[in-house]
Amino acid sequence: MHPRETPGLPDAFDDALRAYERHLAAERGHGRNTRRAYLGDARSLLEFAATDGCGRLDEVDLKLLRGWLARLMESGAARATIARRGAGARAFTAWAHRTGRLPVDPGRRLTSPRPLRRLPAVLTTAEAAALVDAAAGRVTSAERTPGEAESPATAVALRDLAAVELLYATGVRVGELVALDLESVDAERRLVRVRGKGDRERVVPYGIPAARRLEQYLSRGRPVLLRAPAERALFLGRRGARVDQRQIRRAVTDLVALVDGAPAIGPHGLRHSAATHLLDGGADLRSVQELLGHATLSTTQLYTHVSVERLRASYRQAHPRA
């Protein structure tokens, strides 16, 4: 992925964007989506600078940064968007200063509004169990009579059931799930080796229910979907290649819709649910951080707030003097 040249953008700005993209990929190890976000922030800033009459990178100063954020506010951008854009601009100017493209780093003095941190929607443990039951029901309804060969519909239902179980059991991201290969799974020890953000690898355990559903998929579902014997992807689509994230998202969303009273969530909601239920069950924060692959503990601490809010809600509902 390379930053596109923007019509009317000075050559110095285009050159800086290309160098910044190489830095994000080679030195920071960011994935495609993260690189696209950082580059989008930097490009937006430089486009504003160009319209303001700047032609050199060293003309980008604090006044210009503040003017750029002010324009975003005037355009009606959400508070969270402005906060993320500000963080992206600070990352870009810090890099430009380190590489000698800026004599000083104006981003160090740039402040942007803190995003309003909303607590994520999560399933209750009963709703999570109902979700798995709904996925199992899809398998039952797709099955043929005994003695007949497995159908593609049954294979897909088995795949979706195993995916839901594994997402909830491990708390992995959907991108991490679809990237798993057969070699990523240690069935004997019930461990899965995951490659997460920043190309960081971690090992995550999963329980007996997920192991059972995974074995069913591998023995009955995957062979039906497989087209090329050399394919090593764990989860396959109907055409025999690695399944696309969108298919898993759609499957989770559709299955959650079958659960009465459940919030409308996708695979990331299962990740939130897994983390919350781990903390509710007594897991310590650092262990959950390691399982989820969070770079900082502050990200994981969000789930302690979810647990406290759930406790408060239960108290208000159940205590006669709440």
Protein backbone atom coordinates (compact mmCIF):
# COMPACT_ATOMS: atom_id res chain seq x y z
CA MET A 1 0.00 0.00 0.00
CA HIS A 2 1.37 3.37 -1.01
CA PRO A 3 -0.05 6.83 -0.36
CA ARG A 4 -1.62 8.17 -3.52
CA GLU A 5 -0.42 11.46 -4.91
CA THR A 6 -2.99 14.14 -4.24
CA PRO A 7 -3.69 16.61 -7.08
CA GLY A 8 -2.37 20.03 -6.09
CA LEU A 9 -0.32 18.72 -3.15
CA PRO A 10 3.31 20.00 -3.22
CA ASP A 11 5.95 17.43 -4.15
CA ALA A 12 7.58 17.83 -0.72
CA PHE A 13 4.34 16.77 0.94
CA ASP A 14 3.89 13.75 -1.35
CA ASP A 15 7.50 12.70 -0.69
CA ALA A 16 6.94 13.00 3.05
CA LEU A 17 3.81 10.84 2.87
CA ARG A 18 5.64 8.10 0.98
CA ALA A 19 8.50 8.13 3.49
CA TYR A 20 6.02 8.09 6.37
CA GLU A 21 4.25 5.06 4.90
CA ARG A 22 7.57 3.20 4.69
CA HIS A 23 8.24 4.08 8.33
CA LEU A 24 4.83 2.81 9.46
CA ALA A 25 5.27 -0.48 7.62
CA ALA A 26 8.97 -1.25 8.13
CA GLU A 27 9.78 0.32 11.50
CA ARG A 28 6.48 0.32 13.35
CA GLY A 29 5.13 -2.91 11.84
CA HIS A 30 1.59 -1.54 11.58
CA GLY A 31 -1.01 -3.52 9.64
CA ARG A 32 -2.70 -2.26 6.49
CA ASN A 33 -5.73 -0.73 8.22
CA THR A 34 -3.64 1.05 10.86
CA ARG A 35 -1.29 2.42 8.20
CA ARG A 36 -4.26 3.65 6.19
CA ALA A 37 -5.63 5.50 9.23
CA TYR A 38 -2.31 7.19 10.09
CA LEU A 39 -1.69 8.14 6.47
CA GLY A 40 -5.22 9.51 6.14
CA ASP A 41 -4.65 11.78 9.13
CA ALA A 42 -1.31 13.00 7.77
CA ARG A 43 -2.74 13.56 4.29
CA SER A 44 -5.70 15.52 5.67
CA LEU A 45 -3.33 17.76 7.60
CA LEU A 46 -1.06 18.36 4.60
CA GLU A 47 -4.01 19.07 2.29
CA PHE A 48 -5.16 21.72 4.77
CA ALA A 49 -1.61 23.11 4.88
CA ALA A 50 -1.50 23.32 1.08
CA THR A 51 -4.82 25.19 0.92
CA ASP A 52 -3.40 27.55 3.57
CA GLY A 53 -0.52 28.41 1.24
CA CYS A 54 2.19 26.14 2.68
CA GLY A 55 4.58 24.48 0.25
CA ARG A 56 7.24 23.14 2.63
CA LEU A 57 6.93 20.77 5.54
CA ASP A 58 8.84 23.10 7.87
CA GLU A 59 5.98 25.61 7.50
CA VAL A 60 3.66 23.28 9.46
CA ASP A 61 3.43 24.88 12.92
CA LEU A 62 1.17 24.82 15.97
CA LYS A 63 -1.10 27.56 14.59
CA LEU A 64 -1.72 25.52 11.44
CA LEU A 65 -2.40 22.35 13.45
CA ARG A 66 -4.96 24.18 15.57
CA GLY A 67 -6.58 25.66 12.48
CA TRP A 68 -6.87 22.18 10.96
CA LEU A 69 -8.59 20.80 14.07
CA ALA A 70 -10.86 23.85 14.23
CA ARG A 71 -11.99 23.23 10.66
CA LEU A 72 -12.78 19.61 11.55
CA MET A 73 -14.89 20.82 14.47
CA GLU A 74 -16.73 23.30 12.27
CA SER A 75 -17.48 20.57 9.75
CA GLY A 76 -19.32 18.63 12.47
CA ALA A 77 -16.76 15.87 13.02
CA ALA A 78 -17.45 13.74 16.09
CA ARG A 79 -15.44 14.28 19.25
CA ALA A 80 -13.84 10.84 18.91
CA THR A 81 -12.88 11.58 15.28
CA ILE A 82 -11.20 14.86 16.23
CA ALA A 83 -9.33 13.17 19.08
CA ARG A 84 -8.08 10.42 16.75
CA ARG A 85 -7.10 12.92 14.05
CA GLY A 86 -5.17 14.93 16.63
CA ALA A 87 -3.32 11.82 17.77
CA GLY A 88 -2.53 10.96 14.15
CA ALA A 89 -1.18 14.46 13.52
CA ARG A 90 1.03 14.27 16.62
CA ALA A 91 2.44 10.93 15.45
CA PHE A 92 3.23 12.42 12.03
CA THR A 93 4.91 15.61 13.30
CA ALA A 94 6.93 13.61 15.85
CA TRP A 95 8.22 11.38 13.04
CA ALA A 96 8.93 14.43 10.83
CA HIS A 97 10.93 16.04 13.64
CA ARG A 98 12.93 12.87 14.38
CA THR A 99 13.85 12.53 10.72
CA GLY A 100 14.93 16.18 10.39
CA ARG A 101 11.98 17.27 8.25
CA LEU A 102 10.71 19.63 10.97
CA PRO A 103 13.06 21.80 13.06
CA VAL A 104 10.69 21.50 16.05
CA ASP A 105 7.73 19.25 16.79
CA PRO A 106 4.59 21.44 16.93
CA GLY A 107 2.46 18.41 17.74
CA ARG A 108 3.90 18.23 21.26
CA ARG A 109 1.86 21.31 22.18
CA LEU A 110 -1.28 20.30 20.32
CA THR A 111 -4.24 19.36 22.49
CA SER A 112 -7.41 17.78 21.21
CA PRO A 113 -10.64 16.85 23.01
CA ARG A 114 -10.64 13.54 24.80
CA PRO A 115 -13.07 11.10 23.22
CA LEU A 116 -16.12 10.18 25.26
CA ARG A 117 -15.34 6.61 26.22
CA ARG A 118 -18.54 4.65 25.90
CA LEU A 119 -18.72 1.28 27.58
CA PRO A 120 -18.99 -1.50 25.00
CA ALA A 121 -22.14 -3.58 24.68
CA VAL A 122 -21.61 -7.11 25.99
CA LEU A 123 -23.65 -10.29 26.29
CA THR A 124 -24.61 -11.76 29.61
CA THR A 125 -23.37 -15.29 30.26
CA ALA A 126 -26.91 -16.55 29.61
CA GLU A 127 -27.03 -14.69 26.28
CA ALA A 128 -23.62 -16.08 25.32
CA ALA A 129 -24.90 -19.60 26.01
CA ALA A 130 -28.02 -18.87 23.96
CA LEU A 131 -25.84 -17.63 21.10
CA VAL A 132 -23.94 -20.92 21.02
CA ASP A 133 -27.24 -22.81 21.15
CA ALA A 134 -28.50 -20.79 18.18
CA ALA A 135 -25.36 -21.65 16.21
CA ALA A 136 -25.76 -25.32 17.11
CA GLY A 137 -29.39 -25.13 16.00
CA ARG A 138 -28.24 -23.95 12.57
CA VAL A 139 -26.13 -27.11 12.29
CA THR A 140 -29.04 -29.33 13.24
CA SER A 141 -31.40 -27.70 10.74
CA ALA A 142 -28.82 -28.03 7.94
CA GLU A 143 -27.96 -31.69 8.59
CA ARG A 144 -29.11 -34.36 6.21
CA THR A 145 -30.48 -37.76 7.10
CA PRO A 146 -28.01 -40.29 8.54
CA GLY A 147 -25.88 -41.99 5.92
CA GLU A 148 -25.93 -39.08 3.45
CA ALA A 149 -22.81 -37.03 2.75
CA GLU A 150 -22.34 -33.74 4.57
CA SER A 151 -23.76 -30.80 2.62
CA PRO A 152 -21.98 -27.45 2.09
CA ALA A 153 -24.70 -25.82 4.21
CA THR A 154 -23.88 -28.14 7.11
CA ALA A 155 -20.17 -27.48 6.64
CA VAL A 156 -20.70 -23.71 6.80
CA ALA A 157 -22.93 -24.07 9.88
CA LEU A 158 -20.24 -26.19 11.57
CA ARG A 159 -17.63 -23.57 10.67
CA ASP A 160 -19.74 -20.74 12.07
CA LEU A 161 -20.41 -22.68 15.28
CA ALA A 162 -16.69 -23.36 15.77
CA ALA A 163 -15.87 -19.72 14.97
CA VAL A 164 -18.39 -18.39 17.51
CA GLU A 165 -17.13 -20.77 20.19
CA LEU A 166 -13.51 -19.83 19.52
CA LEU A 167 -14.19 -16.09 19.39
CA TYR A 168 -15.96 -16.21 22.74
CA ALA A 169 -13.53 -18.70 24.33
CA THR A 170 -10.38 -16.77 23.41
CA GLY A 171 -11.44 -13.15 22.90
CA VAL A 172 -9.40 -12.97 19.69
CA ARG A 173 -10.13 -10.35 17.05
CA VAL A 174 -12.00 -11.52 13.97
CA GLY A 175 -8.96 -10.69 11.81
CA GLU A 176 -6.83 -12.87 14.04
CA LEU A 177 -9.36 -15.68 13.82
CA VAL A 178 -9.53 -15.82 10.03
CA ALA A 179 -5.71 -15.62 9.82
CA LEU A 180 -5.31 -18.88 11.77
CA ASP A 181 -3.77 -21.85 9.99
CA LEU A 182 -4.08 -25.52 10.90
CA GLU A 183 -0.65 -25.29 12.51
CA SER A 184 -1.87 -22.45 14.76
CA VAL A 185 -3.92 -24.89 16.84
CA ASP A 186 -2.46 -27.19 19.49
CA ALA A 187 -5.49 -29.43 20.02
CA GLU A 188 -3.79 -31.60 22.64
CA ARG A 189 -3.08 -28.69 24.97
CA ARG A 190 -6.06 -26.61 23.77
CA LEU A 191 -3.94 -23.63 22.77
CA VAL A 192 -4.10 -21.37 19.74
CA ARG A 193 -1.16 -19.31 18.49
CA VAL A 194 -2.38 -15.88 17.37
CA ARG A 195 -0.57 -13.15 15.44
CA GLY A 196 -2.06 -9.82 16.48
CA LYS A 197 -1.51 -6.12 15.99
CA GLY A 198 2.05 -5.04 15.28
CA ASP A 199 2.77 -8.63 14.18
CA ARG A 200 3.00 -9.60 17.86
CA GLU A 201 2.42 -13.27 18.58
CA ARG A 202 0.67 -14.67 21.63
CA VAL A 203 -0.66 -18.03 22.78
CA VAL A 204 -4.25 -18.20 24.02
CA PRO A 205 -5.98 -21.16 25.71
CA TYR A 206 -9.51 -22.32 24.93
CA GLY A 207 -11.89 -24.62 26.77
CA ILE A 208 -13.46 -28.01 26.23
CA PRO A 209 -16.67 -26.76 24.52
CA ALA A 210 -14.66 -24.84 21.91
CA ALA A 211 -12.36 -27.86 21.47
CA ARG A 212 -15.37 -30.08 20.81
CA ARG A 213 -16.87 -27.72 18.22
CA LEU A 214 -13.49 -27.22 16.54
CA GLU A 215 -12.98 -30.97 16.25
CA GLN A 216 -16.46 -31.36 14.70
CA TYR A 217 -15.69 -28.68 12.14
CA LEU A 218 -12.29 -30.17 11.28
CA SER A 219 -13.64 -33.70 10.89
CA ARG A 220 -16.99 -32.98 9.24
CA GLY A 221 -17.06 -29.42 7.90
CA ARG A 222 -13.64 -28.40 6.63
CA PRO A 223 -13.17 -31.48 4.36
CA VAL A 224 -16.41 -30.57 2.54
CA LEU A 225 -15.28 -26.97 1.95
CA LEU A 226 -11.68 -27.86 1.03
CA ARG A 227 -10.79 -27.61 -2.66
CA ALA A 228 -6.98 -27.67 -2.72
CA PRO A 229 -5.21 -30.17 -0.41
CA ALA A 230 -2.36 -27.68 0.07
CA GLU A 231 -4.67 -25.07 1.68
CA ARG A 232 -3.58 -24.53 5.31
CA ALA A 233 -6.17 -21.95 6.43
CA LEU A 234 -8.16 -23.17 9.43
CA PHE A 235 -11.48 -21.56 8.52
CA LEU A 236 -12.56 -21.87 4.88
CA GLY A 237 -15.21 -20.21 2.77
CA ARG A 238 -17.57 -21.93 0.34
CA ARG A 239 -14.97 -21.74 -2.44
CA GLY A 240 -12.34 -23.54 -0.41
CA ALA A 241 -10.07 -20.56 0.30
CA ARG A 242 -9.52 -18.72 3.58
CA VAL A 243 -12.80 -17.32 4.82
CA ASP A 244 -13.28 -13.55 4.60
CA GLN A 245 -13.80 -11.50 7.78
CA ARG A 246 -17.10 -10.22 6.43
CA GLN A 247 -18.56 -13.71 6.30
CA ILE A 248 -17.74 -14.32 9.97
CA ARG A 249 -19.08 -10.90 10.94
CA ARG A 250 -22.31 -11.58 9.09
CA ALA A 251 -22.67 -14.99 10.70
CA VAL A 252 -22.15 -13.63 14.23
CA THR A 253 -24.52 -10.71 13.66
CA ASP A 254 -27.23 -13.00 12.29
CA LEU A 255 -26.86 -15.47 15.16
CA VAL A 256 -26.92 -12.76 17.85
CA ALA A 257 -30.17 -11.48 16.34
CA LEU A 258 -31.74 -14.84 17.26
CA VAL A 259 -31.04 -14.29 20.98
CA ASP A 260 -33.90 -12.52 22.74
CA GLY A 261 -32.83 -9.32 24.47
CA ALA A 262 -29.20 -9.49 23.31
CA PRO A 263 -27.53 -6.26 22.16
CA ALA A 264 -26.73 -5.98 18.45
CA ILE A 265 -23.05 -6.97 18.44
CA GLY A 266 -20.58 -8.56 16.06
CA PRO A 267 -17.34 -10.48 16.61
CA HIS A 268 -15.76 -7.58 18.52
CA GLY A 269 -18.71 -7.67 20.88
CA LEU A 270 -17.83 -11.30 21.62
CA ARG A 271 -14.29 -10.12 22.43
CA HIS A 272 -15.72 -7.54 24.82
CA SER A 273 -17.99 -10.18 26.34
CA ALA A 274 -15.14 -12.65 26.83
CA ALA A 275 -13.01 -10.05 28.61
CA THR A 276 -15.86 -8.91 30.84
CA HIS A 277 -16.82 -12.46 31.80
CA LEU A 278 -13.19 -13.30 32.60
CA LEU A 279 -12.98 -10.36 34.99
CA ASP A 280 -16.40 -11.15 36.45
CA GLY A 281 -15.12 -14.67 37.11
CA GLY A 282 -12.07 -13.44 39.03
CA ALA A 283 -9.31 -13.28 36.39
CA ASP A 284 -6.66 -10.67 37.13
CA LEU A 285 -6.27 -7.68 34.83
CA ARG A 286 -2.79 -8.50 33.57
CA SER A 287 -3.78 -12.03 32.58
CA VAL A 288 -6.71 -10.63 30.58
CA GLN A 289 -4.36 -8.08 28.99
CA GLU A 290 -2.08 -10.91 27.86
CA LEU A 291 -4.98 -12.98 26.53
CA LEU A 292 -6.42 -10.09 24.53
CA GLY A 293 -3.05 -8.91 23.24
CA HIS A 294 -3.44 -5.34 24.49
CA ALA A 295 -0.24 -3.30 24.31
CA THR A 296 -1.15 -1.31 27.44
CA LEU A 297 -3.02 -2.16 30.61
CA SER A 298 -5.13 1.00 30.33
CA THR A 299 -6.97 -0.52 27.34
CA THR A 300 -7.85 -3.62 29.35
CA GLN A 301 -9.02 -1.52 32.31
CA LEU A 302 -12.07 -0.49 30.29
CA TYR A 303 -13.57 -3.90 31.09
CA THR A 304 -13.34 -3.31 34.82
CA HIS A 305 -15.72 -0.37 34.27
CA VAL A 306 -18.06 -2.66 32.35
CA SER A 307 -18.06 -5.13 35.25
CA VAL A 308 -18.73 -2.37 37.79
CA GLU A 309 -21.60 -0.97 35.71
CA ARG A 310 -23.14 -4.42 35.41
CA LEU A 311 -22.85 -4.84 39.18
CA ARG A 312 -24.54 -1.48 39.75
CA ALA A 313 -27.34 -2.36 37.35
CA SER A 314 -27.92 -5.67 39.13
CA TYR A 315 -27.90 -3.90 42.49
CA ARG A 316 -30.42 -1.28 41.39
CA GLN A 317 -32.69 -3.98 40.02
CA ALA A 318 -32.47 -6.43 42.90
CA HIS A 319 -31.89 -4.50 46.14
CA PRO A 320 -35.06 -3.23 47.84
CA ARG A 321 -33.32 -0.07 49.06
CA ALA A 322 -31.36 0.71 45.92
